[in-house]
Amino acid sequence: MEREIAALIPEEAIVSVEQKPTGALFPCNNTQHTWYGSTTIRLTDGSDVEGIVKTIEEHYQEEDRFDIRTRLNFAREYEVQLMSPTSAETYIFGKTAADTVRIDSGSVCFTLPEGVYPGGKF
């Protein structure tokens, strides 16, 4: 899904796309975990990052797969959150640095198979 979101950015604006090969698990409660991952898209100098983020938001407003929330992040940059109405799946994307869009994702809570240690990379 991170790559689907990244694919909505015009190719001519993209310098690089780096999707982390692994994510990390965090506890939801005593028996379940959620997975978090991210993708960073470096854009050409002077790209209208907020405009790109808003165009992606408009794309998903035309669908009913996600509930959408917007906000200004801690750096006062426009940010969009896509939340699945049927699960805890979520994606947050916006400007995190000059000419950079970051997509953070999180999974539904799930139970690990018995004997699987939740530390490390997933």
Protein backbone atom coordinates (compact mmCIF):
# COMPACT_ATOMS: atom_id res chain seq x y z
CA MET A 1 0.00 0.00 0.00
CA GLU A 2 2.92 2.37 0.67
CA ARG A 3 4.05 1.80 -2.92
CA GLU A 4 0.50 2.42 -4.19
CA ILE A 5 0.50 5.80 -2.45
CA ALA A 6 4.00 6.62 -3.74
CA ALA A 7 2.92 5.73 -7.30
CA LEU A 8 0.46 8.63 -7.19
CA ILE A 9 3.36 11.10 -7.14
CA PRO A 10 4.26 12.28 -10.65
CA GLU A 11 7.31 10.38 -11.90
CA GLU A 12 9.05 13.56 -13.01
CA ALA A 13 8.97 14.84 -9.41
CA ILE A 14 10.61 11.72 -7.92
CA VAL A 15 14.34 11.53 -7.26
CA SER A 16 14.22 8.32 -5.20
CA VAL A 17 11.89 5.98 -3.34
CA GLU A 18 13.22 4.13 -0.32
CA GLN A 19 10.94 1.58 1.27
CA LYS A 20 12.42 0.11 4.41
CA PRO A 21 12.82 -3.64 3.87
CA THR A 22 11.56 -4.37 7.37
CA GLY A 23 9.41 -2.76 10.01
CA ALA A 24 8.98 -3.18 13.72
CA LEU A 25 6.38 -4.68 16.01
CA PHE A 26 4.80 -2.78 18.87
CA PRO A 27 2.41 -4.19 21.48
CA CYS A 28 -1.32 -3.48 21.22
CA ASN A 29 -2.01 -5.27 24.50
CA ASN A 30 -0.60 -8.26 26.44
CA THR A 31 -1.20 -10.74 23.61
CA GLN A 32 -1.23 -8.81 20.34
CA HIS A 33 1.13 -6.67 18.28
CA THR A 34 0.93 -4.21 15.42
CA TRP A 35 3.46 -3.77 12.62
CA TYR A 36 4.84 -0.39 11.55
CA GLY A 37 6.81 0.43 8.40
CA SER A 38 7.68 3.40 6.20
CA THR A 39 8.64 4.64 2.76
CA THR A 40 10.48 7.89 2.03
CA ILE A 41 10.17 9.64 -1.34
CA ARG A 42 12.78 12.27 -2.19
CA LEU A 43 11.43 14.83 -4.66
CA THR A 44 13.11 17.21 -7.07
CA ASP A 45 14.27 20.51 -5.61
CA GLY A 46 11.47 23.02 -5.25
CA SER A 47 8.65 20.46 -5.55
CA ASP A 48 5.25 21.55 -4.27
CA VAL A 49 5.18 18.91 -1.55
CA GLU A 50 1.92 20.10 0.01
CA GLY A 51 0.27 20.19 -3.41
CA ILE A 52 1.41 16.62 -4.09
CA VAL A 53 0.12 15.46 -0.69
CA LYS A 54 -3.25 17.13 -1.34
CA THR A 55 -3.49 15.52 -4.80
CA ILE A 56 -2.95 12.09 -3.23
CA GLU A 57 -5.60 12.93 -0.63
CA GLU A 58 -8.06 13.88 -3.41
CA HIS A 59 -7.43 10.52 -5.10
CA TYR A 60 -8.48 8.62 -1.99
CA GLN A 61 -11.47 10.89 -1.34
CA GLU A 62 -12.91 9.50 -4.58
CA GLU A 63 -12.80 5.99 -3.12
CA ASP A 64 -14.51 4.48 -0.09
CA ARG A 65 -11.63 2.25 1.05
CA PHE A 66 -10.47 4.69 3.72
CA ASP A 67 -11.69 7.26 6.16
CA ILE A 68 -9.54 10.37 5.79
CA ARG A 69 -8.27 12.82 8.38
CA THR A 70 -5.96 15.77 7.83
CA ARG A 71 -3.89 17.81 10.23
CA LEU A 72 -0.75 19.88 10.58
CA ASN A 73 2.09 17.80 11.97
CA PHE A 74 4.52 18.93 14.68
CA ALA A 75 6.47 20.96 12.07
CA ARG A 76 3.20 22.62 10.90
CA GLU A 77 3.24 20.68 7.61
CA TYR A 78 0.04 19.32 6.04
CA GLU A 79 -0.44 15.60 6.69
CA VAL A 80 -3.05 13.04 5.64
CA GLN A 81 -4.15 9.90 7.48
CA LEU A 82 -5.94 7.07 5.66
CA MET A 83 -7.73 4.64 7.99
CA SER A 84 -9.45 1.46 6.94
CA PRO A 85 -13.06 1.41 8.20
CA THR A 86 -12.88 -2.39 8.47
CA SER A 87 -9.53 -2.82 10.25
CA ALA A 88 -6.87 -0.88 12.14
CA GLU A 89 -4.78 -0.53 8.96
CA THR A 90 -3.55 3.07 8.70
CA TYR A 91 -1.28 5.21 6.52
CA ILE A 92 0.01 8.68 7.32
CA PHE A 93 1.81 10.72 4.69
CA GLY A 94 3.11 14.25 4.39
CA LYS A 95 6.19 16.42 4.17
CA THR A 96 8.87 15.52 6.69
CA ALA A 97 11.82 17.48 5.28
CA ALA A 98 12.50 19.77 2.35
CA ASP A 99 11.39 18.04 -0.85
CA THR A 100 10.53 14.80 0.99
CA VAL A 101 7.32 12.85 1.52
CA ARG A 102 7.22 10.09 4.10
CA ILE A 103 4.56 7.41 4.24
CA ASP A 104 4.16 5.64 7.58
CA SER A 105 1.99 2.56 7.83
CA GLY A 106 0.57 0.41 10.58
CA SER A 107 -1.23 -2.91 10.62
CA VAL A 108 -4.18 -4.29 12.47
CA CYS A 109 -3.40 -5.88 15.83
CA PHE A 110 -2.57 -9.57 15.53
CA THR A 111 -1.33 -12.49 17.59
CA LEU A 112 2.14 -13.81 16.82
CA PRO A 113 2.55 -17.54 16.32
CA GLU A 114 3.61 -19.29 19.49
CA GLY A 115 7.36 -19.12 20.07
CA VAL A 116 7.96 -16.08 17.85
CA TYR A 117 9.91 -13.38 19.64
CA PRO A 118 8.47 -9.90 18.93
CA GLY A 119 11.84 -8.12 19.02
CA GLY A 120 13.95 -7.58 15.95
CA LYS A 121 12.88 -6.78 12.40
CA PHE A 122 9.76 -7.92 10.59
